[in-house]
Amino acid sequence: MINKIASSVAEALKDVKDGSTVLIGGFGTAGIPAELIDGLIEQGAKDLTVVNNNAGNADYGLAALLKAGRVRKIICSFPRQVDSYVFDELYRSGKLELELVPQGNLAERIRAAGAGIGAFFCPTAYGTELAKGKETREIGGKHYVLEYPIHGDVALIKAEAGDRWGNLVYRMSARNFGPVMATAAKHTVATVHAIRELGELDPEAVVTPGIYVSKIVKIARVATQAGGFKKAA
């Protein structure tokens, strides 16, 4: 019997290894799998390469993972924000490597990994510092930059509901990078607020089929207040 429900975050993350590339869903603070990030800190894996839309906010969530010294490199589109002081300190002191990727390229490089695409040409960043050292080509009178997929050893994502086969549905903007990251990783862990019986999820609403999901963990729903603090809903 296929049953991908983990009894705890710790169980779901027990096999994450040092040096892993970890894809973490979320767009700003929307859809961040905070419980999985906290669990990863407790689990202890280090020397990680993290892929996310940004580099964390304040000192919670992804920023807490950076602050714990577990991340060697971050690949993201928006590393600096008004409250990105953890990233700023680590980067300026040479303790954190940064690969800056335009957001559209980031999504497409992750999607390419899941689709089995070896590389692709994209016009974004041609003629800028972000194209330095990369192969370029003129196609149809336009200039393009060769980009490579971003594969993950692990993807940590947040969904709204799932079943024991791992099928997932999302809630509004919490969906963001989750679906493509699930396809691009060898091992995907998702948090859900509800576990449904097989057949209860509308097949037309399933965004991430269970074939892409390794473990799901049910978590309590919390309300986020201003400043990032949480309270029970």
Foldseek 3Di string as FASTA:
>chain_A
DQFQADADLLRQCLPDAAAFEEEFEDDQPAFGLQRNQVSCVVNPHAQYEYEYAEQDFACGRNNVSVVSRRYAEYEHAHHDDPGNVSSVVCVVVPRYHYQHDHPVLSLVLLLCLLVVNAKDWDQPPPPHPNQPPFDWDQDPNGITTIDGHDAGQEYETEAAEEERLQFGAHDPPSPPSVQSNLSRHPEYEYEYQYYDYPPPDDPVRGRHGSVSHNHYYHDFDWDADPPGDTDGD
